Protein backbone atom coordinates (compact mmCIF):
# COMPACT_ATOMS: atom_id res chain seq x y z
CA MET A 1 -12.73 16.71 -193.53
CA ARG A 2 -15.61 16.89 -191.02
CA LYS A 3 -14.68 19.41 -188.31
CA PRO A 4 -15.20 17.71 -184.53
CA ILE A 5 -17.80 19.12 -182.35
CA LEU A 6 -17.18 18.94 -178.74
CA ALA A 7 -20.58 19.67 -176.96
CA GLY A 8 -21.26 20.21 -173.15
CA ASN A 9 -24.64 18.97 -171.94
CA TRP A 10 -25.07 20.73 -168.78
CA LYS A 11 -28.57 19.14 -168.01
CA MET A 12 -30.20 20.46 -164.79
CA CYS A 13 -26.99 21.57 -163.06
CA LEU A 14 -25.36 24.74 -162.02
CA LEU A 15 -26.70 28.30 -160.88
CA SER A 16 -25.62 31.72 -162.27
CA GLN A 17 -22.50 32.24 -160.02
CA GLU A 18 -21.21 28.71 -160.93
CA ILE A 19 -21.97 29.43 -164.80
CA ALA A 20 -20.18 32.52 -164.59
CA THR A 21 -17.10 30.97 -163.06
CA LEU A 22 -17.17 27.89 -165.51
CA ILE A 23 -17.53 30.15 -168.70
CA GLU A 24 -14.43 32.25 -167.52
CA ASP A 25 -12.36 29.18 -167.02
CA LEU A 26 -13.70 27.74 -170.48
CA ARG A 27 -13.10 30.89 -172.05
CA LYS A 28 -9.21 30.70 -170.91
CA GLY A 29 -8.90 26.96 -171.28
CA THR A 30 -10.31 27.08 -175.06
CA GLU A 31 -8.53 30.09 -176.27
CA GLY A 32 -6.86 29.45 -179.61
CA VAL A 33 -8.50 26.38 -180.18
CA GLU A 34 -8.71 25.92 -183.95
CA GLY A 35 -10.23 23.12 -186.06
CA ARG A 36 -13.08 22.22 -183.88
CA GLU A 37 -16.41 23.55 -182.89
CA ILE A 38 -17.21 23.97 -179.07
CA LEU A 39 -20.82 23.78 -177.73
CA VAL A 40 -22.26 24.48 -174.66
CA CYS A 41 -26.07 23.63 -173.65
CA PRO A 42 -27.08 25.23 -170.36
CA ALA A 43 -30.35 24.86 -168.77
CA PHE A 44 -33.08 27.57 -170.21
CA PRO A 45 -32.96 30.26 -167.55
CA TYR A 46 -29.32 30.74 -168.09
CA LEU A 47 -29.19 31.02 -171.95
CA ALA A 48 -29.13 34.63 -172.28
CA GLN A 49 -26.56 34.72 -169.52
CA VAL A 50 -24.14 32.27 -171.07
CA ALA A 51 -24.87 33.94 -174.63
CA ARG A 52 -23.51 37.40 -173.43
CA ALA A 53 -20.59 35.54 -171.59
CA VAL A 54 -19.19 33.76 -174.70
CA GLU A 55 -19.56 36.83 -177.17
CA SER A 56 -16.26 37.11 -179.19
CA THR A 57 -15.21 33.55 -178.12
CA PRO A 58 -15.72 30.50 -180.51
CA ILE A 59 -17.94 28.81 -177.99
CA GLN A 60 -21.67 28.48 -179.26
CA ILE A 61 -24.65 27.77 -177.25
CA GLY A 62 -27.57 25.36 -177.86
CA GLY A 63 -30.97 24.13 -175.94
CA GLN A 64 -31.50 21.04 -174.29
CA ASP A 65 -34.87 20.66 -175.81
CA CYS A 66 -37.75 22.85 -177.44
CA SER A 67 -41.17 22.68 -178.53
CA TRP A 68 -42.59 21.43 -181.70
CA GLU A 69 -44.73 24.74 -181.91
CA LEU A 70 -43.19 28.24 -182.61
CA THR A 71 -45.77 30.28 -180.68
CA GLY A 72 -48.92 30.15 -178.79
CA ALA A 73 -50.75 28.83 -175.50
CA PHE A 74 -48.24 26.21 -174.36
CA THR A 75 -47.29 26.90 -170.73
CA GLY A 76 -43.96 26.00 -169.66
CA GLU A 77 -42.63 25.03 -173.23
CA VAL A 78 -39.85 26.86 -175.28
CA SER A 79 -40.26 27.81 -178.78
CA PRO A 80 -37.04 27.19 -181.07
CA LYS A 81 -37.89 30.72 -182.37
CA MET A 82 -36.90 31.77 -178.39
CA LEU A 83 -33.62 29.72 -178.77
CA LYS A 84 -32.73 31.36 -181.76
CA ASP A 85 -33.53 34.85 -180.52
CA VAL A 86 -31.33 34.28 -177.43
CA GLY A 87 -28.26 33.52 -179.81
CA CYS A 88 -28.63 29.49 -179.94
CA THR A 89 -27.26 27.69 -183.10
CA HIS A 90 -27.99 24.09 -181.92
CA VAL A 91 -30.86 22.29 -179.88
CA ILE A 92 -30.51 18.85 -178.30
CA LEU A 93 -33.32 16.46 -179.39
CA GLY A 94 -34.24 13.17 -178.39
CA HIS A 95 -31.74 12.49 -175.21
CA SER A 96 -32.33 9.43 -173.57
CA GLU A 97 -33.28 11.07 -170.54
CA ARG A 98 -36.25 12.82 -172.13
CA ARG A 99 -36.86 9.66 -173.92
CA HIS A 100 -36.59 6.97 -170.88
CA ILE A 101 -37.67 9.66 -167.75
CA LEU A 102 -40.07 11.89 -169.81
CA GLY A 103 -41.58 9.29 -172.33
CA GLU A 104 -40.91 11.18 -175.46
CA LYS A 105 -41.73 9.09 -178.51
CA ASP A 106 -39.96 9.40 -181.85
CA SER A 107 -43.03 10.98 -183.37
CA ILE A 108 -42.69 13.79 -180.86
CA ILE A 109 -39.01 14.22 -181.47
CA ASN A 110 -39.77 14.52 -185.35
CA LYS A 111 -42.06 17.28 -184.90
CA LYS A 112 -39.53 19.05 -182.72
CA LEU A 113 -36.61 18.34 -185.16
CA LEU A 114 -38.76 19.75 -188.00
CA CYS A 115 -39.74 22.73 -186.06
CA ALA A 116 -36.34 23.67 -185.10
CA ILE A 117 -34.88 23.20 -188.64
CA SER A 118 -37.79 25.86 -189.72
CA VAL A 119 -36.09 28.56 -187.69
CA GLY A 120 -32.45 27.77 -188.44
CA LEU A 121 -31.45 25.74 -185.64
CA ASN A 122 -29.15 22.80 -185.75
CA PRO A 123 -30.69 20.06 -184.66
CA VAL A 124 -28.50 17.40 -182.46
CA LEU A 125 -30.62 14.14 -182.67
CA CYS A 126 -29.85 11.64 -179.91
CA VAL A 127 -30.19 8.12 -180.63
CA GLY A 128 -28.96 4.84 -178.64
CA GLU A 129 -30.18 1.54 -177.00
CA THR A 130 -30.64 0.71 -173.25
CA LEU A 131 -28.42 -2.23 -171.56
CA ASP A 132 -31.16 -4.95 -171.91
CA GLU A 133 -31.50 -4.01 -175.48
CA ARG A 134 -27.73 -4.34 -176.32
CA GLN A 135 -27.49 -7.36 -174.34
CA ALA A 136 -30.50 -8.72 -176.55
CA GLY A 137 -28.61 -8.07 -179.62
CA LYS A 138 -31.01 -5.34 -180.79
CA THR A 139 -28.67 -2.24 -180.58
CA TRP A 140 -28.91 -1.68 -184.26
CA THR A 141 -32.66 -2.43 -184.56
CA VAL A 142 -33.32 0.29 -182.02
CA VAL A 143 -30.78 3.01 -183.27
CA GLU A 144 -32.27 2.12 -186.97
CA ALA A 145 -35.99 2.84 -185.57
CA GLN A 146 -35.18 5.94 -183.74
CA LEU A 147 -33.14 7.32 -186.79
CA GLU A 148 -36.25 6.59 -189.07
CA GLY A 149 -38.54 7.87 -186.59
CA GLY A 150 -36.89 11.23 -185.71
CA LEU A 151 -36.18 11.88 -189.51
CA ALA A 152 -39.25 10.91 -191.13
CA GLY A 153 -40.45 13.34 -193.86
CA VAL A 154 -36.86 15.15 -193.52
CA THR A 155 -35.57 16.10 -196.92
CA MET A 156 -31.53 16.29 -197.35
CA ASP A 157 -32.04 20.14 -197.84
CA GLN A 158 -33.57 20.49 -194.53
CA CYS A 159 -31.44 18.84 -192.54
CA ALA A 160 -28.09 20.24 -194.05
CA GLY A 161 -27.16 21.21 -190.16
CA LEU A 162 -28.21 18.04 -188.75
CA VAL A 163 -25.64 16.40 -186.09
CA ILE A 164 -26.34 12.96 -184.93
CA ALA A 165 -25.41 11.93 -181.27
CA TYR A 166 -25.07 8.27 -180.61
CA GLU A 167 -25.27 7.83 -176.87
CA PRO A 168 -25.68 4.24 -175.48
CA VAL A 169 -27.88 4.55 -172.54
CA TRP A 170 -26.38 2.35 -170.56
CA ALA A 171 -23.14 4.49 -170.58
CA ILE A 172 -24.55 7.76 -169.62
CA GLY A 173 -23.76 9.11 -166.40
CA THR A 174 -22.79 5.61 -165.34
CA GLY A 175 -19.01 5.90 -165.67
CA GLN A 176 -19.23 3.07 -168.13
CA THR A 177 -18.27 3.81 -171.86
CA ALA A 178 -18.67 2.11 -175.05
CA SER A 179 -15.22 0.88 -176.28
CA PRO A 180 -13.60 2.72 -178.86
CA ASP A 181 -14.59 -0.15 -181.21
CA GLN A 182 -18.15 -0.40 -179.84
CA ALA A 183 -18.55 3.17 -180.64
CA GLN A 184 -17.06 2.96 -184.02
CA GLU A 185 -19.19 -0.01 -185.17
CA VAL A 186 -22.41 1.87 -184.48
CA HIS A 187 -21.16 5.12 -185.79
CA GLY A 188 -20.46 3.31 -189.16
CA GLN A 189 -23.91 1.84 -189.38
CA ILE A 190 -25.35 5.21 -188.55
CA ARG A 191 -23.19 6.74 -191.74
CA SER A 192 -24.24 3.87 -193.88
CA TRP A 193 -27.72 4.47 -193.04
CA VAL A 194 -27.47 8.21 -193.84
CA ALA A 195 -25.73 7.19 -197.10
CA LYS A 196 -28.86 5.13 -198.30
CA LYS A 197 -31.25 7.98 -196.96
CA PHE A 198 -29.51 11.08 -198.19
CA GLY A 199 -26.63 9.73 -200.46
CA PRO A 200 -22.88 9.16 -200.08
CA GLU A 201 -21.70 12.73 -200.26
CA PHE A 202 -24.15 13.91 -197.36
CA SER A 203 -23.29 11.11 -195.26
CA GLY A 204 -19.33 11.89 -195.56
CA ASN A 205 -20.05 15.34 -194.44
CA ILE A 206 -22.43 14.84 -191.49
CA ARG A 207 -20.71 14.61 -187.88
CA ILE A 208 -21.62 11.79 -185.46
CA LEU A 209 -21.03 12.50 -181.92
CA TYR A 210 -20.48 9.80 -179.24
CA GLY A 211 -22.07 10.55 -176.12
CA GLY A 212 -21.58 8.42 -172.76
CA SER A 213 -19.43 9.15 -170.01
CA VAL A 214 -17.00 10.97 -172.10
CA ASN A 215 -14.02 12.09 -170.25
CA PRO A 216 -10.13 13.33 -170.48
CA LYS A 217 -8.98 9.63 -170.17
CA ASN A 218 -10.80 8.07 -173.00
CA VAL A 219 -11.56 10.96 -175.31
CA ASP A 220 -8.44 10.53 -177.15
CA ALA A 221 -8.90 6.98 -177.98
CA LEU A 222 -12.78 7.39 -178.84
CA MET A 223 -11.84 10.50 -181.21
CA ALA A 224 -9.34 8.30 -183.21
CA GLN A 225 -12.18 6.25 -184.65
CA PRO A 226 -12.89 7.14 -188.22
CA ASP A 227 -16.52 7.85 -187.89
CA VAL A 228 -16.56 9.39 -184.46
CA ASP A 229 -16.91 13.37 -184.93
CA GLY A 230 -17.08 14.57 -181.58
CA GLY A 231 -18.55 14.13 -177.93
CA LEU A 232 -21.88 15.04 -176.26
CA VAL A 233 -20.49 15.28 -172.78
CA GLY A 234 -22.23 15.36 -169.65
CA GLY A 235 -20.61 15.17 -166.31
CA ALA A 236 -17.19 16.09 -167.57
CA SER A 237 -18.34 19.43 -169.15
CA LEU A 238 -19.39 20.90 -165.63
CA LYS A 239 -15.54 21.18 -164.92
CA ALA A 240 -13.84 23.58 -166.97
CA ALA A 241 -10.42 21.70 -166.91
CA ASP A 242 -11.99 18.27 -167.80
CA PHE A 243 -14.08 20.00 -170.55
CA SER A 244 -10.92 21.90 -171.99
CA ARG A 245 -9.10 18.75 -172.12
CA ILE A 246 -11.66 17.19 -174.02
CA VAL A 247 -11.78 20.16 -176.34
CA HIS A 248 -7.87 19.83 -176.81
CA PHE A 249 -8.13 15.99 -177.58
CA GLU A 250 -5.33 14.28 -179.19
CA THR A 251 -5.31 11.71 -181.89
CA GLY A 252 -1.92 11.06 -182.42
């Protein structure tokens, strides 16, 4: 049985006092939750603050990105060793906003992933298509290429903690959401691809998250799909009541 992961990506939002209030409310709203993992990913300046605030709670923290180098003269970059040092367990890599706004290529994402793995961070590898690509019938072609590029040269032993997040770009921050059937179709294809690369046992254990305007109203239907193992949540993770409800999803 795969344990679901509910991950909040706070992006470039919230200042320290807002974070303090949000974490306090999340501590209360997620108290006693069992059988699922909770992850929040603040902006870099607030990781240490959040790490202290979630001590002795089930809430884990992750970075929103990292460098492909461990140390050195790379002004403005953040090493995966630094993320690990402040208490991160995960790091988001290949998010569509980094791919499409900042121009990151699969080769760069792959280098970051290998570097993160080397220090024991669990990478959350994001893949997904744009609206034009979906309308052109290229969804799986795009997703497969991103998987192959992002996981190039990675062995099964290296990626024991790997999480994959399918995030259709057209549904991120737009209020549009892939239907449960659309999400399941791509998640199923991802799991089949992983089975071919790493074997059926590994494929059966990997968690595949859905990201793209997950909210309290659609989370139950999404989580009821057999290959949807959690959510990578954007805007709804900035509101304690909404994210707590997502964490408490019900599948009937």
